[in-house]
Amino acid sequence: MSRSRDIILASMVGTIIEWYGIFIFSSGADYISKVFYPFVTSSVAILLTLLTFALGFVTRPVGAYIFGHYGDRIGRKKMLLLTLMISGISTGLTGLIPGYASIGVAAIIILVILRLVLGFGLGGEWGGAMLLTLENFQSRRGFYSSFVQSTVGLGLLIGVFIFFPLAYYLPASAMIAYGWRIPFLFSFVILIIGAFIRLKVSETPVFENEIKSKKIQKSPFKVLMKRHWKGVLTGTILAGSSGNFFYFAIALLPVLMEEIYKMPVYFGLIGTAIFGIADIIFVFMGGMISDAKGRKIIIAFANILALVIIYPSVYLVSDYYFIIFITLFGVAHGLSYSPLGAMISEIFPADVRYSGNSAAYQYGNSFIGGPAPYVSDYLGGISYVLYPVFTVIFILIALGTVIKTGETRNLSMDVTDEVES
């Protein structure tokens, strides 16, 4: 029991930092925009802040390649320790950057550099964390993948727990001066706890078997793209769609509520907390159902639900409807996300699995999910009816993809390719 607990906690802690960091940056976007972009109008500053947020996804594919390569060659555990250090330190340091008023454009440059470094580290985090779980627990993989996937909701809830009292009790001037920094600094605490936990776990038995059987590829990514490019494309589309409607819900909708409908910041935080709770509950439900009924049907249902609610979510605007739609987005994301984690990992053989699941997941989130708030905000500036278009397009593509993809829940995690010389 102690070993199982340590494996589960070790797999979760890095992605908790990831989603916690995403939440505090997106929720603090209004304050961050005033600290780093005070020289433009508020609407342009928000747009620039969302663009800065999206820049963190630029280096994720690079991180996926580097950490996937070495994760498939020298082990999952070593890479997970490194990704944790990079993501935790870069998130924490964000809270220490002087504002534009203090050091001018250098503040923006430092912020961008830290976002790029963070993205690089996170590029290898999710893939390794998922394998740490799935390669240790090979039965009920949908359920066990739920622990890693539940960190979306957990990260959001921890962020709300830290951010909400600050936004509620501190005046806006204090939040701009120092309040927004406190949640970023708290990531150092999560980092220390996480490093201690990850040092305790061992390498996965699947990778240890690869070493014993001499199944280590010299160039995992080359083998991946040569033999399994269809799996990468499938995973990219499915991860991208899930990420797209996630960011639409937690990064764009609260900003619309604040900027256009003048609702207080803490109201968006309440909505995000509700999203997080719904997400955690339905992540586990989706994982367990996918073990019994298959990954495909759950992912398809979740995308259909997101498609049904996305246009009403920007047109039926009130505090009542906002809570309803943010809850439904939490349900849709939770249902899709747990089977997605298992499916993307099951598609690939063990010798290229770290490279494969990292590439698919990060390509999807970097090129489809991450840009969603910026692209949607830009399109909405042209016409209000265009806010959901970017997300709708990829939901439809994902539905077509999941229908054509074979079921993966009964595939073995021990399968490997022939080693290329």
Protein backbone atom coordinates (compact mmCIF):
# COMPACT_ATOMS: atom_id res chain seq x y z
CA MET A 1 0.00 0.00 0.00
CA SER A 2 2.82 2.40 0.88
CA ARG A 3 4.56 1.77 -2.46
CA SER A 4 1.33 2.27 -4.41
CA ARG A 5 0.62 5.49 -2.53
CA ASP A 6 4.12 6.83 -3.23
CA ILE A 7 3.82 6.04 -6.95
CA ILE A 8 0.45 7.77 -7.21
CA LEU A 9 1.60 10.86 -5.29
CA ALA A 10 4.88 11.04 -7.25
CA SER A 11 2.98 10.92 -10.53
CA MET A 12 0.60 13.68 -9.42
CA VAL A 13 2.83 16.33 -7.89
CA GLY A 14 4.44 17.71 -11.06
CA THR A 15 1.18 18.09 -12.91
CA ILE A 16 -0.33 19.76 -9.84
CA ILE A 17 2.34 22.47 -10.24
CA GLU A 18 1.54 22.63 -13.96
CA TRP A 19 -2.18 23.21 -13.54
CA TYR A 20 -1.77 25.35 -10.46
CA GLY A 21 0.57 27.59 -12.47
CA ILE A 22 -1.83 27.74 -15.40
CA PHE A 23 -4.67 28.74 -13.10
CA ILE A 24 -2.87 31.47 -11.18
CA PHE A 25 -1.52 33.03 -14.37
CA SER A 26 -4.87 33.01 -16.19
CA SER A 27 -6.83 34.14 -13.11
CA GLY A 28 -4.31 36.84 -12.36
CA ALA A 29 -4.20 38.00 -15.98
CA ASP A 30 -5.93 41.30 -15.19
CA TYR A 31 -3.37 42.16 -12.48
CA ILE A 32 -0.40 40.83 -14.45
CA SER A 33 -1.44 42.91 -17.46
CA LYS A 34 -1.31 46.09 -15.38
CA VAL A 35 2.12 45.21 -13.93
CA PHE A 36 3.85 44.30 -17.20
CA TYR A 37 1.83 46.14 -19.87
CA PRO A 38 0.76 49.46 -18.30
CA PHE A 39 1.65 51.42 -21.44
CA VAL A 40 -1.36 50.21 -23.50
CA THR A 41 -5.13 50.16 -23.03
CA SER A 42 -6.58 47.56 -20.68
CA SER A 43 -8.06 45.46 -23.50
CA VAL A 44 -4.76 45.37 -25.39
CA ALA A 45 -2.90 44.62 -22.15
CA ILE A 46 -5.17 41.61 -21.54
CA LEU A 47 -4.54 40.43 -25.10
CA LEU A 48 -0.76 40.76 -24.61
CA THR A 49 -0.96 38.92 -21.30
CA LEU A 50 -2.89 36.05 -22.90
CA LEU A 51 -0.28 35.99 -25.66
CA THR A 52 2.46 35.80 -23.01
CA PHE A 53 0.53 32.94 -21.44
CA ALA A 54 0.40 31.16 -24.81
CA LEU A 55 4.17 31.58 -25.30
CA GLY A 56 4.65 29.03 -22.55
CA PHE A 57 3.39 26.43 -25.01
CA VAL A 58 5.97 27.26 -27.70
CA THR A 59 8.75 25.31 -25.98
CA ARG A 60 6.61 22.38 -24.84
CA PRO A 61 7.22 20.37 -28.04
CA VAL A 62 10.97 20.87 -27.55
CA GLY A 63 10.68 19.60 -23.99
CA ALA A 64 8.58 16.67 -25.19
CA TYR A 65 11.33 15.72 -27.65
CA ILE A 66 14.25 16.07 -25.21
CA PHE A 67 12.63 14.47 -22.17
CA GLY A 68 10.87 11.84 -24.29
CA HIS A 69 14.18 10.86 -25.91
CA TYR A 70 16.03 10.45 -22.64
CA GLY A 71 13.00 9.05 -20.84
CA ASP A 72 12.92 6.22 -23.39
CA ARG A 73 16.68 5.75 -23.18
CA ILE A 74 17.74 6.22 -19.55
CA GLY A 75 14.49 6.04 -17.60
CA ARG A 76 11.26 7.72 -16.55
CA LYS A 77 12.26 8.61 -12.98
CA LYS A 78 15.35 10.69 -13.83
CA MET A 79 13.42 12.83 -16.28
CA LEU A 80 10.56 13.37 -13.85
CA LEU A 81 12.91 14.73 -11.21
CA LEU A 82 14.34 17.17 -13.76
CA THR A 83 10.97 18.33 -15.12
CA LEU A 84 9.73 18.94 -11.57
CA MET A 85 12.71 21.15 -10.73
CA ILE A 86 12.42 23.18 -13.92
CA SER A 87 8.67 23.76 -13.69
CA GLY A 88 8.63 24.48 -9.95
CA ILE A 89 11.53 26.94 -10.00
CA SER A 90 10.37 28.85 -13.08
CA THR A 91 6.82 29.19 -11.70
CA GLY A 92 8.12 30.43 -8.35
CA LEU A 93 10.55 32.92 -9.90
CA THR A 94 7.67 34.53 -11.81
CA GLY A 95 6.51 35.96 -8.49
CA LEU A 96 9.86 37.71 -8.01
CA ILE A 97 10.04 39.64 -11.31
CA PRO A 98 10.03 43.45 -10.90
CA GLY A 99 7.29 45.18 -12.86
CA TYR A 100 7.54 47.38 -15.96
CA ALA A 101 7.50 50.49 -13.77
CA SER A 102 10.74 49.32 -12.10
CA ILE A 103 12.90 47.92 -14.91
CA GLY A 104 10.99 48.70 -18.09
CA VAL A 105 10.98 46.27 -20.99
CA ALA A 106 13.41 43.99 -19.14
CA ALA A 107 10.47 42.92 -16.96
CA ILE A 108 8.59 41.67 -20.01
CA ILE A 109 11.69 39.90 -21.35
CA ILE A 110 12.26 38.08 -18.05
CA LEU A 111 8.58 37.10 -17.87
CA VAL A 112 8.70 35.69 -21.40
CA ILE A 113 11.95 33.78 -20.70
CA LEU A 114 10.46 32.18 -17.59
CA ARG A 115 7.33 31.20 -19.54
CA LEU A 116 9.52 29.58 -22.20
CA VAL A 117 11.63 27.73 -19.61
CA LEU A 118 8.46 26.58 -17.84
CA GLY A 119 7.03 25.28 -21.10
CA PHE A 120 10.23 23.36 -21.81
CA GLY A 121 10.08 21.61 -18.44
CA LEU A 122 6.38 20.86 -18.68
CA GLY A 123 6.95 19.35 -22.12
CA GLY A 124 8.22 16.19 -20.47
CA GLU A 125 6.18 16.24 -17.26
CA TRP A 126 2.79 14.82 -18.23
CA GLY A 127 4.13 11.99 -20.39
CA GLY A 128 6.50 10.74 -17.71
CA ALA A 129 3.93 11.09 -14.93
CA MET A 130 1.39 9.08 -16.91
CA LEU A 131 3.92 6.31 -17.54
CA LEU A 132 4.98 6.22 -13.90
CA THR A 133 1.38 5.29 -13.15
CA LEU A 134 0.37 3.11 -16.10
CA GLU A 135 3.60 1.10 -16.23
CA ASN A 136 3.23 0.24 -12.55
CA PHE A 137 -0.53 -0.50 -12.58
CA GLN A 138 -1.33 -2.38 -15.77
CA SER A 139 -4.89 -3.37 -14.88
CA ARG A 140 -7.67 -0.78 -14.53
CA ARG A 141 -5.49 1.70 -16.40
CA GLY A 142 -8.34 4.13 -16.96
CA PHE A 143 -8.91 4.36 -13.21
CA TYR A 144 -5.23 4.73 -12.30
CA SER A 145 -4.66 7.33 -15.02
CA SER A 146 -7.39 9.31 -13.26
CA PHE A 147 -5.00 10.20 -10.44
CA VAL A 148 -2.67 12.07 -12.80
CA GLN A 149 -5.59 13.58 -14.71
CA SER A 150 -7.33 14.68 -11.51
CA THR A 151 -4.48 17.12 -10.92
CA VAL A 152 -6.24 19.53 -13.27
CA GLY A 153 -9.01 19.97 -10.72
CA LEU A 154 -6.64 19.70 -7.75
CA GLY A 155 -4.31 22.33 -9.18
CA LEU A 156 -7.26 24.64 -9.80
CA LEU A 157 -8.63 24.12 -6.29
CA ILE A 158 -5.25 24.76 -4.65
CA GLY A 159 -4.98 27.88 -6.79
CA VAL A 160 -8.44 29.06 -5.76
CA PHE A 161 -7.63 28.33 -2.10
CA ILE A 162 -4.55 30.59 -2.35
CA PHE A 163 -5.88 33.19 -4.81
CA PHE A 164 -9.48 33.72 -3.68
CA PRO A 165 -8.77 35.20 -0.21
CA LEU A 166 -6.23 37.56 -1.76
CA ALA A 167 -8.58 38.76 -4.51
CA TYR A 168 -11.51 39.03 -2.10
CA TYR A 169 -9.88 40.82 0.85
CA LEU A 170 -7.12 42.87 -0.77
CA PRO A 171 -7.98 46.03 -2.71
CA ALA A 172 -7.10 46.03 -6.40
CA SER A 173 -4.13 48.33 -5.77
CA ALA A 174 -2.63 45.84 -3.30
CA MET A 175 -3.21 42.93 -5.69
CA ILE A 176 -1.37 44.81 -8.42
CA ALA A 177 1.43 45.83 -6.06
CA TYR A 178 2.17 42.46 -4.47
CA GLY A 179 -0.90 40.23 -4.02
CA TRP A 180 -0.66 38.48 -7.40
CA ARG A 181 2.91 37.37 -6.57
CA ILE A 182 2.02 35.29 -3.49
CA PRO A 183 0.44 32.35 -5.37
CA PHE A 184 3.51 32.07 -7.61
CA LEU A 185 5.85 32.00 -4.62
CA PHE A 186 3.78 29.23 -3.04
CA SER A 187 4.87 26.90 -5.86
CA PHE A 188 8.27 26.63 -4.13
CA VAL A 189 6.49 24.82 -1.28
CA ILE A 190 4.87 22.35 -3.69
CA LEU A 191 8.26 21.84 -5.37
CA ILE A 192 10.02 20.85 -2.13
CA ILE A 193 7.27 18.38 -1.19
CA GLY A 194 7.23 16.95 -4.71
CA ALA A 195 10.99 16.42 -4.91
CA PHE A 196 10.95 14.51 -1.63
CA ILE A 197 8.18 12.21 -2.88
CA ARG A 198 9.73 11.54 -6.30
CA LEU A 199 13.10 10.64 -4.82
CA LYS A 200 11.40 7.76 -2.98
CA VAL A 201 9.98 5.92 -6.01
CA SER A 202 11.76 3.40 -8.25
CA GLU A 203 11.94 3.09 -12.02
CA THR A 204 8.91 1.49 -13.70
CA PRO A 205 9.00 -2.32 -14.18
CA VAL A 206 8.21 -1.92 -17.89
CA PHE A 207 11.33 0.19 -18.46
CA GLU A 208 13.45 -2.14 -16.32
CA ASN A 209 12.31 -5.03 -18.54
CA GLU A 210 13.33 -3.04 -21.61
CA ILE A 211 16.84 -2.68 -20.20
CA LYS A 212 17.08 -6.39 -19.38
CA SER A 213 15.84 -7.41 -22.83
CA LYS A 214 18.01 -4.78 -24.57
CA LYS A 215 15.02 -3.11 -26.23
CA ILE A 216 16.31 0.46 -25.86
CA GLN A 217 16.13 2.46 -29.09
CA LYS A 218 19.08 4.67 -30.04
CA SER A 219 16.74 7.27 -31.53
CA PRO A 220 13.24 6.82 -30.08
CA PHE A 221 11.78 9.87 -31.82
CA LYS A 222 13.02 8.72 -35.23
CA VAL A 223 11.40 5.31 -34.69
CA LEU A 224 8.25 7.01 -33.41
CA MET A 225 7.77 9.22 -36.47
CA LYS A 226 8.72 6.43 -38.87
CA ARG A 227 6.43 3.72 -37.47
CA HIS A 228 3.83 5.46 -35.29
CA TRP A 229 3.14 8.87 -36.83
CA LYS A 230 -0.58 8.07 -37.10
CA GLY A 231 -0.68 7.52 -33.34
CA VAL A 232 1.02 10.88 -32.79
CA LEU A 233 -1.52 12.60 -35.06
CA THR A 234 -4.46 10.90 -33.32
CA GLY A 235 -3.18 11.81 -29.86
CA THR A 236 -2.45 15.38 -30.93
CA ILE A 237 -6.00 15.95 -32.16
CA LEU A 238 -7.67 14.37 -29.12
CA ALA A 239 -5.43 16.15 -26.60
CA GLY A 240 -5.79 19.41 -28.51
CA SER A 241 -9.58 19.33 -28.48
CA SER A 242 -9.73 18.56 -24.75
CA GLY A 243 -7.21 21.30 -24.00
CA ASN A 244 -9.01 23.73 -26.28
CA PHE A 245 -12.37 23.64 -24.51
CA PHE A 246 -10.59 23.50 -21.14
CA TYR A 247 -8.77 26.79 -21.78
CA PHE A 248 -11.89 28.29 -23.31
CA ALA A 249 -13.70 27.58 -20.03
CA ILE A 250 -11.11 28.55 -17.42
CA ALA A 251 -9.06 31.22 -19.20
CA LEU A 252 -11.47 32.98 -21.56
CA LEU A 253 -14.93 32.80 -19.95
CA PRO A 254 -13.83 34.41 -16.64
CA VAL A 255 -12.10 37.21 -18.56
CA LEU A 256 -15.29 37.81 -20.56
CA MET A 257 -17.25 37.97 -17.32
CA GLU A 258 -14.83 40.53 -15.86
CA GLU A 259 -14.05 42.69 -18.90
CA ILE A 260 -17.37 42.73 -20.78
CA TYR A 261 -19.97 42.05 -18.10
CA LYS A 262 -18.09 43.68 -15.20
CA MET A 263 -18.50 40.80 -12.77
CA PRO A 264 -16.01 40.84 -9.86
CA VAL A 265 -12.80 38.79 -10.14
CA TYR A 266 -13.74 36.55 -7.23
CA PHE A 267 -16.90 35.45 -9.07
CA GLY A 268 -14.74 33.92 -11.80
CA LEU A 269 -12.70 32.21 -9.08
CA ILE A 270 -15.84 30.66 -7.63
CA GLY A 271 -16.72 29.37 -11.08
CA THR A 272 -13.23 27.93 -11.51
CA ALA A 273 -13.50 26.15 -8.14
CA ILE A 274 -16.79 24.60 -9.24
CA PHE A 275 -15.16 23.56 -12.52
CA GLY A 276 -12.32 21.94 -10.55
CA ILE A 277 -14.66 19.96 -8.30
CA ALA A 278 -16.74 18.72 -11.25
CA ASP A 279 -13.56 17.88 -13.14
CA ILE A 280 -12.14 15.74 -10.33
CA ILE A 281 -15.39 13.80 -9.86
CA PHE A 282 -15.90 13.09 -13.55
CA VAL A 283 -12.23 12.32 -14.22
CA PHE A 284 -12.58 9.30 -11.96
CA MET A 285 -15.99 8.42 -13.38
CA GLY A 286 -14.66 8.66 -16.93
CA GLY A 287 -11.64 6.54 -16.08
CA MET A 288 -13.66 3.78 -14.43
CA ILE A 289 -16.32 3.70 -17.16
CA SER A 290 -13.62 3.58 -19.85
CA ASP A 291 -12.14 0.47 -18.22
CA ALA A 292 -15.52 -1.23 -18.60
CA LYS A 293 -16.90 0.26 -21.83
CA GLY A 294 -13.82 1.53 -23.67
CA ARG A 295 -12.00 4.83 -24.13
CA LYS A 296 -13.64 5.88 -27.40
CA ILE A 297 -17.26 6.17 -26.30
CA ILE A 298 -16.44 8.33 -23.27
CA ILE A 299 -14.19 10.71 -25.22
CA ALA A 300 -16.82 11.04 -27.97
CA PHE A 301 -19.60 11.79 -25.47
CA ALA A 302 -17.49 14.43 -23.71
CA ASN A 303 -16.73 16.24 -26.97
CA ILE A 304 -20.41 16.21 -27.94
CA LEU A 305 -21.33 17.72 -24.55
CA ALA A 306 -18.74 20.48 -25.00
CA LEU A 307 -20.07 21.17 -28.50
CA VAL A 308 -23.64 21.50 -27.23
CA ILE A 309 -22.86 24.00 -24.45
CA ILE A 310 -20.16 26.21 -25.96
CA TYR A 311 -22.34 28.72 -27.83
CA PRO A 312 -24.92 29.11 -25.05
CA SER A 313 -22.04 29.73 -22.61
CA VAL A 314 -21.18 33.05 -24.29
CA TYR A 315 -24.74 34.14 -25.08
CA LEU A 316 -26.73 33.23 -21.96
CA VAL A 317 -24.70 35.46 -19.70
CA SER A 318 -25.62 35.94 -16.05
CA ASP A 319 -24.20 34.78 -12.74
CA TYR A 320 -26.68 31.88 -12.73
CA TYR A 321 -25.93 30.66 -16.26
CA PHE A 322 -22.18 31.14 -15.83
CA ILE A 323 -22.16 28.69 -12.91
CA ILE A 324 -24.23 26.17 -14.89
CA PHE A 325 -21.99 26.29 -17.95
CA ILE A 326 -18.69 26.28 -16.07
CA THR A 327 -19.94 23.17 -14.23
CA LEU A 328 -20.88 21.46 -17.49
CA PHE A 329 -17.48 22.30 -18.95
CA GLY A 330 -15.94 20.65 -15.88
CA VAL A 331 -18.05 17.54 -16.50
CA ALA A 332 -17.10 17.44 -20.20
CA HIS A 333 -13.40 17.93 -19.56
CA GLY A 334 -13.30 15.42 -16.72
CA LEU A 335 -15.01 12.72 -18.77
CA SER A 336 -12.69 13.19 -21.73
CA TYR A 337 -9.43 13.70 -19.89
CA SER A 338 -8.97 10.45 -17.97
CA PRO A 339 -9.61 8.02 -20.88
CA LEU A 340 -7.49 10.36 -23.00
CA GLY A 341 -4.45 9.89 -20.76
CA ALA A 342 -4.70 6.11 -20.90
CA MET A 343 -5.47 6.03 -24.62
CA ILE A 344 -2.57 8.25 -25.70
CA SER A 345 -0.16 6.07 -23.72
CA GLU A 346 -1.67 2.74 -24.86
CA ILE A 347 -1.30 3.67 -28.54
CA PHE A 348 2.51 3.44 -28.38
CA PRO A 349 4.88 0.52 -27.64
CA ALA A 350 7.09 0.76 -24.56
CA ASP A 351 10.34 1.62 -26.35
CA VAL A 352 8.94 4.90 -27.75
CA ARG A 353 6.10 5.47 -25.30
CA TYR A 354 7.60 8.45 -23.42
CA SER A 355 8.44 10.13 -26.74
CA GLY A 356 5.04 9.24 -28.19
CA ASN A 357 2.66 10.25 -25.44
CA SER A 358 4.68 13.41 -24.68
CA ALA A 359 4.76 14.47 -28.33
CA ALA A 360 1.05 13.85 -28.92
CA TYR A 361 -0.07 15.54 -25.71
CA GLN A 362 2.21 18.55 -26.01
CA TYR A 363 1.63 19.09 -29.73
CA GLY A 364 -2.10 19.08 -29.03
CA ASN A 365 -1.87 21.51 -26.15
CA SER A 366 0.78 23.72 -27.77
CA PHE A 367 -0.79 24.13 -31.20
CA ILE A 368 -4.50 23.64 -30.46
CA GLY A 369 -5.23 24.01 -26.74
CA GLY A 370 -2.83 26.65 -25.47
CA PRO A 371 -3.55 29.31 -28.12
CA ALA A 372 -7.32 28.97 -27.59
CA PRO A 373 -7.80 31.95 -25.22
CA TYR A 374 -5.72 34.27 -27.42
CA VAL A 375 -7.24 33.16 -30.74
CA SER A 376 -10.79 33.16 -29.33
CA ASP A 377 -10.31 36.61 -27.79
CA TYR A 378 -8.97 37.91 -31.11
CA LEU A 379 -11.86 36.42 -33.09
CA GLY A 380 -14.35 37.73 -30.55
CA GLY A 381 -12.93 41.21 -31.10
CA ILE A 382 -13.95 40.92 -34.75
CA SER A 383 -17.44 39.64 -33.98
CA TYR A 384 -18.98 38.30 -30.79
CA VAL A 385 -20.35 35.30 -32.66
CA LEU A 386 -16.78 34.18 -33.44
CA TYR A 387 -15.65 33.62 -29.84
CA PRO A 388 -16.32 29.83 -29.86
CA VAL A 389 -15.43 29.11 -33.52
CA PHE A 390 -11.81 28.01 -32.96
CA THR A 391 -12.87 25.56 -30.25
CA VAL A 392 -15.86 24.23 -32.21
CA ILE A 393 -13.69 23.40 -35.23
CA PHE A 394 -11.37 21.17 -33.22
CA ILE A 395 -14.17 19.48 -31.30
CA LEU A 396 -15.65 18.39 -34.65
CA ILE A 397 -12.23 17.18 -35.88
CA ALA A 398 -11.74 15.25 -32.62
CA LEU A 399 -15.13 13.56 -32.98
CA GLY A 400 -14.21 12.34 -36.45
CA THR A 401 -10.81 11.15 -35.20
CA VAL A 402 -12.07 9.19 -32.20
CA ILE A 403 -14.70 7.45 -34.34
CA LYS A 404 -11.99 6.23 -36.75
CA THR A 405 -9.50 5.22 -34.02
CA GLY A 406 -9.33 1.64 -32.75
CA GLU A 407 -10.08 0.77 -29.11
CA THR A 408 -6.95 0.61 -26.91
CA ARG A 409 -8.05 -0.52 -23.43
CA ASN A 410 -7.00 -4.17 -23.93
CA LEU A 411 -3.57 -3.46 -25.46
CA SER A 412 -0.51 -4.67 -23.51
CA MET A 413 1.88 -2.08 -22.05
CA ASP A 414 4.83 -4.48 -22.51
CA VAL A 415 4.81 -4.49 -26.33
CA THR A 416 8.01 -3.14 -27.94
CA ASP A 417 9.32 -2.55 -31.47
CA GLU A 418 12.31 -4.22 -33.02
CA VAL A 419 15.38 -2.20 -32.09
CA GLU A 420 16.83 -0.17 -34.97
CA SER A 421 20.59 -0.34 -35.34
